[in-house]
């Protein structure tokens, strides 16, 4: 006997009448802070099942046996926070392109920190040549209209994950988010240059690619401080991934993959989390994949931020070959990135607070 009522997607009119309907061609399953179950219809719209018993939904089954075991161990230490229900409601509202944006403004006004982040991002992007029109600076409603639904949904996700507090002493979350922001910017720039997936989708994927490190810091601050100390010691010449392996610690890609499933992150972000360090030198494909955009951005961010000890040179050389970037083209690209984004530290401090 099921414990749910028939659901009908308001966008595509798809009917959900039995458990098989819910499990077929749906995605981004996640539980909010109020324990309601949210998911995306095959048309992309968000639906919600009010708190209840849904035995056919099991995150551990979705994760697979190995990752489910890791998730079980993590949850015994501390509960990973669920996305606030209000943010899920706003995300759902944003999918209705006919919605009066003043309703979105009303919801966001009750979340002043989020509202400020949206205004700051709009003010920043307004200075970019890619901006399609100019909105009035500093006003929430105009910032919402200027950014549009897709960007606002990303801001909500990013802001929520940035709000997670960690108790580390050596690992600095501000430095981590600065690296994430540069990876996002570079991912967006590369997506324009190589005409791969939506630029802001690339931005979001770049921003979230390394969230496994935040999950690691949330659960194991002492171990993450040891890894950060390894990286901070020039004589060791170790990347984060190398230190994880040496210390026999969880791979941050695996922890990020678990978080992506738990929070129902967009597919592009989930793929970037899983594959931003993945490559096979013997099978270099001439086709650039979206995950390659984020992988290259991740390495170039280390370069631009003058963290040569964190560059995986073998991986970087593989990616440069794939993108057909010789030494001269690479130097020009790094110069362009540095010139374009090096003056943005003031903006970074604002969005990180």
Protein backbone atom coordinates (compact mmCIF):
# COMPACT_ATOMS: atom_id res chain seq x y z
CA UNK A 1 0.00 0.00 0.00
CA UNK A 2 1.54 3.34 -1.02
CA UNK A 3 1.56 6.38 1.26
CA UNK A 4 1.40 9.07 -1.41
CA UNK A 5 -1.29 10.67 -3.51
CA UNK A 6 -1.25 10.80 -7.30
CA UNK A 7 1.01 13.62 -8.49
CA UNK A 8 0.64 15.47 -11.77
CA UNK A 9 3.43 17.65 -13.13
CA UNK A 10 1.99 21.11 -13.71
CA UNK A 11 4.39 21.73 -16.60
CA UNK A 12 4.14 18.61 -18.77
CA UNK A 13 1.05 16.97 -17.17
CA UNK A 14 2.91 13.73 -16.55
CA UNK A 15 1.03 11.54 -14.05
CA UNK A 16 2.74 9.82 -11.12
CA UNK A 17 0.38 7.13 -9.84
CA UNK A 18 2.64 4.30 -8.63
CA UNK A 19 6.19 3.86 -7.43
CA UNK A 20 7.48 2.85 -10.89
CA UNK A 21 6.35 6.23 -12.21
CA UNK A 22 8.46 8.02 -9.62
CA UNK A 23 11.53 5.92 -10.37
CA UNK A 24 11.41 6.27 -14.17
CA UNK A 25 13.15 9.22 -15.88
CA UNK A 26 13.30 11.40 -12.76
CA UNK A 27 16.34 13.01 -11.20
CA UNK A 28 17.83 15.17 -8.43
CA UNK A 29 16.06 13.44 -5.54
CA UNK A 30 16.69 15.26 -2.26
CA UNK A 31 15.16 15.76 1.17
CA UNK A 32 14.77 19.31 2.49
CA UNK A 33 15.13 20.61 6.05
CA UNK A 34 11.44 19.87 6.68
CA UNK A 35 11.88 16.25 5.54
CA UNK A 36 9.78 16.69 2.40
CA UNK A 37 11.01 14.76 -0.63
CA UNK A 38 11.78 16.78 -3.76
CA UNK A 39 12.65 15.57 -7.25
CA UNK A 40 12.79 16.70 -10.87
CA UNK A 41 10.32 15.47 -13.47
CA UNK A 42 11.60 14.27 -16.86
CA UNK A 43 10.65 17.73 -18.20
CA UNK A 44 12.96 19.38 -15.62
CA UNK A 45 10.24 20.77 -13.35
CA UNK A 46 10.52 20.35 -9.59
CA UNK A 47 7.90 18.34 -7.67
CA UNK A 48 7.55 17.68 -3.96
CA UNK A 49 6.13 14.83 -1.89
CA UNK A 50 5.06 15.98 1.55
CA UNK A 51 6.75 14.31 4.50
CA UNK A 52 5.82 10.65 4.64
CA UNK A 53 7.07 7.13 4.19
CA UNK A 54 8.44 6.39 0.70
CA UNK A 55 10.12 2.98 0.95
CA UNK A 56 10.94 2.98 -2.75
CA UNK A 57 13.25 6.00 -2.29
CA UNK A 58 16.58 5.03 -0.78
CA UNK A 59 19.61 7.29 -1.08
CA UNK A 60 21.96 4.46 -0.10
CA UNK A 61 20.74 2.34 -3.00
CA UNK A 62 21.35 5.26 -5.34
CA UNK A 63 24.88 5.74 -3.99
CA UNK A 64 25.96 2.16 -4.54
CA UNK A 65 27.29 -0.23 -1.90
CA UNK A 66 30.74 1.32 -1.41
CA UNK A 67 29.64 4.96 -1.23
CA UNK A 68 26.61 4.00 0.86
CA UNK A 69 28.98 2.49 3.40
CA UNK A 70 31.01 5.70 3.51
CA UNK A 71 27.82 7.76 3.85
CA UNK A 72 26.72 5.57 6.77
CA UNK A 73 30.04 6.19 8.54
CA UNK A 74 29.79 9.93 7.94
CA UNK A 75 26.23 10.14 9.27
CA UNK A 76 27.30 8.35 12.46
CA UNK A 77 29.74 11.20 13.11
CA UNK A 78 27.41 14.09 12.25
CA UNK A 79 24.33 14.76 10.14
CA UNK A 80 24.94 16.53 6.86
CA UNK A 81 22.55 19.52 6.76
CA UNK A 82 19.62 19.44 4.36
CA UNK A 83 18.91 22.35 2.02
CA UNK A 84 16.44 24.74 3.64
CA UNK A 85 12.89 24.21 2.47
CA UNK A 86 12.49 27.91 1.63
CA UNK A 87 15.33 27.65 -0.89
CA UNK A 88 13.68 24.62 -2.47
CA UNK A 89 10.42 26.54 -2.74
CA UNK A 90 12.18 29.46 -4.44
CA UNK A 91 13.90 27.06 -6.84
CA UNK A 92 10.53 25.58 -7.73
CA UNK A 93 9.05 29.04 -8.29
CA UNK A 94 11.92 29.96 -10.59
CA UNK A 95 10.96 27.17 -13.00
CA UNK A 96 7.75 29.02 -13.85
CA UNK A 97 8.98 31.47 -16.48
CA UNK A 98 5.66 33.32 -16.34
CA UNK A 99 5.98 34.04 -12.64
CA UNK A 100 5.87 37.60 -11.40
CA UNK A 101 9.44 38.23 -10.22
CA UNK A 102 8.08 40.33 -7.38
CA UNK A 103 7.01 37.05 -5.75
CA UNK A 104 10.63 35.85 -5.90
CA UNK A 105 11.71 39.21 -4.46
CA UNK A 106 9.28 38.79 -1.56
CA UNK A 107 10.69 35.35 -0.73
CA UNK A 108 14.30 36.53 -0.92
CA UNK A 109 13.69 39.56 1.28
CA UNK A 110 13.18 37.16 4.17
CA UNK A 111 16.71 35.86 3.47
CA UNK A 112 18.76 39.10 3.61
CA UNK A 113 22.18 37.47 3.21
CA UNK A 114 21.02 35.65 0.08
CA UNK A 115 19.48 38.86 -1.25
CA UNK A 116 22.80 40.66 -0.80
CA UNK A 117 24.69 37.90 -2.62
CA UNK A 118 22.28 38.16 -5.55
CA UNK A 119 22.64 41.95 -5.71
CA UNK A 120 26.44 41.68 -5.49
CA UNK A 121 26.59 39.07 -8.25
CA UNK A 122 24.33 41.15 -10.50
CA UNK A 123 26.41 44.27 -9.89
CA UNK A 124 29.55 42.32 -10.72
CA UNK A 125 28.22 40.68 -13.89
CA UNK A 126 26.79 43.99 -15.06
CA UNK A 127 30.37 45.12 -15.63
CA UNK A 128 31.04 42.17 -17.93
CA UNK A 129 30.83 42.74 -21.72
CA UNK A 130 28.60 39.67 -22.02
CA UNK A 131 25.81 41.38 -20.07
CA UNK A 132 22.81 41.67 -22.35
CA UNK A 133 21.29 44.70 -20.71
CA UNK A 134 21.86 47.04 -17.81
CA UNK A 135 19.73 46.81 -14.68
CA UNK A 136 19.55 49.36 -11.91
CA UNK A 137 22.43 48.78 -9.56
CA UNK A 138 21.76 47.77 -6.00
CA UNK A 139 18.06 46.89 -6.25
CA UNK A 140 16.96 43.34 -5.50
CA UNK A 141 14.12 43.09 -8.02
CA UNK A 142 16.27 44.45 -10.83
CA UNK A 143 19.07 42.06 -9.83
CA UNK A 144 16.63 39.13 -10.01
CA UNK A 145 15.42 40.15 -13.47
CA UNK A 146 18.99 40.78 -14.63
CA UNK A 147 20.32 37.40 -13.50
CA UNK A 148 17.35 35.29 -14.51
CA UNK A 149 16.08 32.01 -13.00
CA UNK A 150 19.02 29.78 -13.95
CA UNK A 151 21.67 31.96 -12.31
CA UNK A 152 19.58 32.58 -9.20
CA UNK A 153 19.09 28.83 -8.67
CA UNK A 154 22.88 28.41 -8.82
CA UNK A 155 23.39 31.26 -6.36
CA UNK A 156 20.98 29.61 -3.93
CA UNK A 157 22.82 26.28 -4.11
CA UNK A 158 26.25 27.85 -3.80
CA UNK A 159 25.22 30.11 -0.92
CA UNK A 160 23.77 27.16 0.99
CA UNK A 161 26.94 25.09 0.63
CA UNK A 162 29.10 28.09 1.55
CA UNK A 163 27.10 28.44 4.77
CA UNK A 164 28.40 25.10 6.08
CA UNK A 165 30.85 25.80 8.88
CA UNK A 166 34.01 23.76 9.43
CA UNK A 167 36.27 23.60 12.47
CA UNK A 168 39.68 23.48 10.80
CA UNK A 169 42.79 25.37 11.87
CA UNK A 170 45.13 25.05 8.86
CA UNK A 171 42.60 24.58 6.07
CA UNK A 172 41.12 28.01 5.35
CA UNK A 173 37.56 27.97 3.93
CA UNK A 174 37.98 31.50 2.54
CA UNK A 175 40.99 30.38 0.50
CA UNK A 176 39.04 27.34 -0.65
CA UNK A 177 36.10 29.45 -1.87
CA UNK A 178 38.45 31.87 -3.59
CA UNK A 179 39.90 28.92 -5.52
CA UNK A 180 36.35 27.74 -6.27
CA UNK A 181 35.36 31.17 -7.57
CA UNK A 182 38.33 31.30 -9.93
CA UNK A 183 37.60 27.78 -11.16
CA UNK A 184 34.02 28.93 -11.82
CA UNK A 185 35.10 32.05 -13.70
CA UNK A 186 37.61 30.15 -15.82
CA UNK A 187 35.06 27.39 -16.54
CA UNK A 188 32.62 30.03 -17.76
CA UNK A 189 35.29 31.69 -19.92
CA UNK A 190 36.35 28.36 -21.47
CA UNK A 191 32.75 27.43 -22.22
CA UNK A 192 32.44 30.65 -24.26
CA UNK A 193 35.68 29.98 -26.07
CA UNK A 194 34.96 26.36 -26.92
CA UNK A 195 31.18 26.61 -27.30
CA UNK A 196 30.49 23.84 -24.83
CA UNK A 197 27.51 23.72 -22.53
CA UNK A 198 25.72 26.73 -21.04
CA UNK A 199 28.35 29.15 -19.63
CA UNK A 200 26.63 29.61 -16.29
CA UNK A 201 26.13 25.85 -16.01
CA UNK A 202 29.89 25.62 -16.45
CA UNK A 203 30.30 28.34 -13.82
CA UNK A 204 28.23 26.38 -11.29
CA UNK A 205 29.99 23.11 -12.07
CA UNK A 206 33.36 24.80 -11.63
CA UNK A 207 32.34 26.37 -8.35
CA UNK A 208 31.18 23.07 -6.87
CA UNK A 209 33.76 20.70 -8.37
CA UNK A 210 35.80 20.42 -5.18
CA UNK A 211 33.06 20.49 -2.53
CA UNK A 212 34.26 17.08 -1.38
CA UNK A 213 37.03 18.98 0.42
CA UNK A 214 34.44 20.95 2.38
CA UNK A 215 32.62 17.71 3.25
CA UNK A 216 35.94 16.24 4.40
CA UNK A 217 36.62 19.33 6.54
CA UNK A 218 33.09 19.18 7.99
CA UNK A 219 33.51 15.58 9.17
CA UNK A 220 37.28 15.24 9.67
CA UNK A 221 38.82 18.67 10.38
CA UNK A 222 42.02 17.28 11.92
CA UNK A 223 42.76 15.01 8.95
CA UNK A 224 42.05 17.83 6.49
CA UNK A 225 44.45 20.09 8.40
CA UNK A 226 47.14 17.41 7.96
CA UNK A 227 46.47 17.30 4.21
CA UNK A 228 46.59 21.09 3.99
CA UNK A 229 49.89 21.06 5.91
CA UNK A 230 51.29 18.58 3.38
CA UNK A 231 50.34 20.94 0.55
CA UNK A 232 51.71 23.97 2.39
CA UNK A 233 55.13 22.33 2.75
CA UNK A 234 57.05 23.03 -0.49
CA UNK A 235 59.58 20.27 0.14
CA UNK A 236 56.82 17.62 -0.02
CA UNK A 237 55.62 18.73 -3.49
CA UNK A 238 52.24 17.10 -2.97
CA UNK A 239 48.84 17.81 -4.47
CA UNK A 240 45.66 17.35 -2.44
CA UNK A 241 44.91 14.09 -4.21
CA UNK A 242 48.41 12.74 -3.54
CA UNK A 243 48.15 13.63 0.15
CA UNK A 244 44.78 11.89 0.41
CA UNK A 245 46.31 8.73 -1.02
CA UNK A 246 49.38 8.91 1.20
CA UNK A 247 47.26 9.46 4.32
CA UNK A 248 44.84 6.71 3.28
CA UNK A 249 42.02 9.22 3.55
CA UNK A 250 38.74 9.46 1.63
CA UNK A 251 39.03 10.72 -1.95
CA UNK A 252 37.40 14.16 -2.05
CA UNK A 253 35.73 13.20 -5.34
CA UNK A 254 33.89 10.38 -3.57
CA UNK A 255 32.81 12.65 -0.71
CA UNK A 256 31.67 15.24 -3.25
CA UNK A 257 29.74 12.59 -5.17
CA UNK A 258 27.92 11.61 -1.97
CA UNK A 259 27.06 15.25 -1.24
CA UNK A 260 25.86 15.77 -4.82
CA UNK A 261 23.43 12.85 -4.46
CA UNK A 262 22.34 13.96 -0.99
CA UNK A 263 21.57 17.52 -2.12
CA UNK A 264 20.35 16.64 -5.61
CA UNK A 265 22.88 18.85 -7.39
CA UNK A 266 22.54 19.50 -11.15
CA UNK A 267 23.96 16.80 -13.41
CA UNK A 268 26.73 19.04 -14.77
CA UNK A 269 27.95 19.76 -11.25
CA UNK A 270 27.77 16.08 -10.28
CA UNK A 271 29.81 15.07 -13.34
CA UNK A 272 32.42 17.76 -12.62
CA UNK A 273 32.72 16.58 -9.02
CA UNK A 274 33.30 12.99 -10.11
CA UNK A 275 35.61 13.58 -13.07
CA UNK A 276 37.67 16.76 -12.60
CA UNK A 277 40.78 14.62 -11.98
CA UNK A 278 39.96 11.77 -14.36
CA UNK A 279 41.97 11.14 -17.51
CA UNK A 280 43.61 8.42 -19.58
CA UNK A 281 46.77 9.45 -21.38
CA UNK A 282 46.62 6.55 -23.84
CA UNK A 283 43.13 7.44 -25.05
CA UNK A 284 43.19 11.15 -25.84
CA UNK A 285 39.89 11.98 -27.52
CA UNK A 286 39.78 14.95 -29.88
CA UNK A 287 36.30 15.75 -28.56
CA UNK A 288 36.19 18.16 -25.63
CA UNK A 289 33.63 17.15 -23.03
CA UNK A 290 31.95 19.54 -20.55
CA UNK A 291 33.82 17.88 -17.67
CA UNK A 292 37.11 18.68 -19.47
CA UNK A 293 36.21 22.39 -19.26
CA UNK A 294 36.03 22.21 -15.46
CA UNK A 295 39.10 19.97 -15.20
CA UNK A 296 41.22 22.47 -17.13
CA UNK A 297 39.76 25.40 -15.19
CA UNK A 298 40.63 23.63 -11.93
CA UNK A 299 44.29 23.33 -12.93
CA UNK A 300 44.51 26.85 -14.40
CA UNK A 301 43.05 28.32 -11.20
CA UNK A 302 46.06 26.93 -9.31
CA UNK A 303 48.31 28.53 -11.91
CA UNK A 304 46.63 31.95 -11.87
CA UNK A 305 46.50 32.03 -8.05
CA UNK A 306 50.23 31.19 -7.94
CA UNK A 307 49.85 27.78 -6.29
CA UNK A 308 52.21 25.74 -8.48
CA UNK A 309 52.56 23.08 -5.78
CA UNK A 310 48.88 22.19 -6.25
CA UNK A 311 49.06 21.71 -10.03
CA UNK A 312 48.85 18.14 -11.28
CA UNK A 313 51.29 18.66 -14.16
CA UNK A 314 50.59 15.30 -15.75
CA UNK A 315 46.87 16.03 -15.83
CA UNK A 316 47.41 19.62 -16.98
CA UNK A 317 49.61 18.52 -19.90
CA UNK A 318 46.97 15.96 -20.90
CA UNK A 319 44.29 18.67 -20.91
CA UNK A 320 46.43 21.19 -22.81
CA UNK A 321 46.97 18.55 -25.48
CA UNK A 322 43.25 17.87 -25.64
CA UNK A 323 42.43 21.58 -25.99
CA UNK A 324 45.21 22.00 -28.59
CA UNK A 325 46.97 24.58 -26.43
CA UNK A 326 50.71 24.89 -27.09
CA UNK A 327 53.03 26.88 -24.84
CA UNK A 328 52.29 30.18 -26.57
CA UNK A 329 48.51 29.71 -26.56
CA UNK A 330 48.58 28.60 -22.92
CA UNK A 331 50.58 31.66 -21.91
CA UNK A 332 48.11 33.91 -23.74
CA UNK A 333 45.17 32.20 -22.06
CA UNK A 334 46.68 32.52 -18.58
CA UNK A 335 47.46 36.17 -19.28
CA UNK A 336 43.86 36.78 -20.37
CA UNK A 337 42.50 35.08 -17.25
CA UNK A 338 44.84 37.02 -14.97
CA UNK A 339 43.96 40.34 -16.56
CA UNK A 340 40.22 39.58 -16.57
CA UNK A 341 39.85 38.38 -12.99
CA UNK A 342 42.81 39.60 -10.91
CA UNK A 343 40.97 42.77 -9.88
CA UNK A 344 38.03 40.87 -8.43
CA UNK A 345 39.35 40.21 -4.91
CA UNK A 346 37.05 42.87 -3.44
CA UNK A 347 34.06 41.07 -4.97
CA UNK A 348 35.36 37.73 -3.68
CA UNK A 349 35.49 39.04 -0.12
CA UNK A 350 31.90 40.29 -0.37
CA UNK A 351 30.38 37.02 -1.62
CA UNK A 352 32.42 34.89 0.80
CA UNK A 353 31.01 36.61 3.89
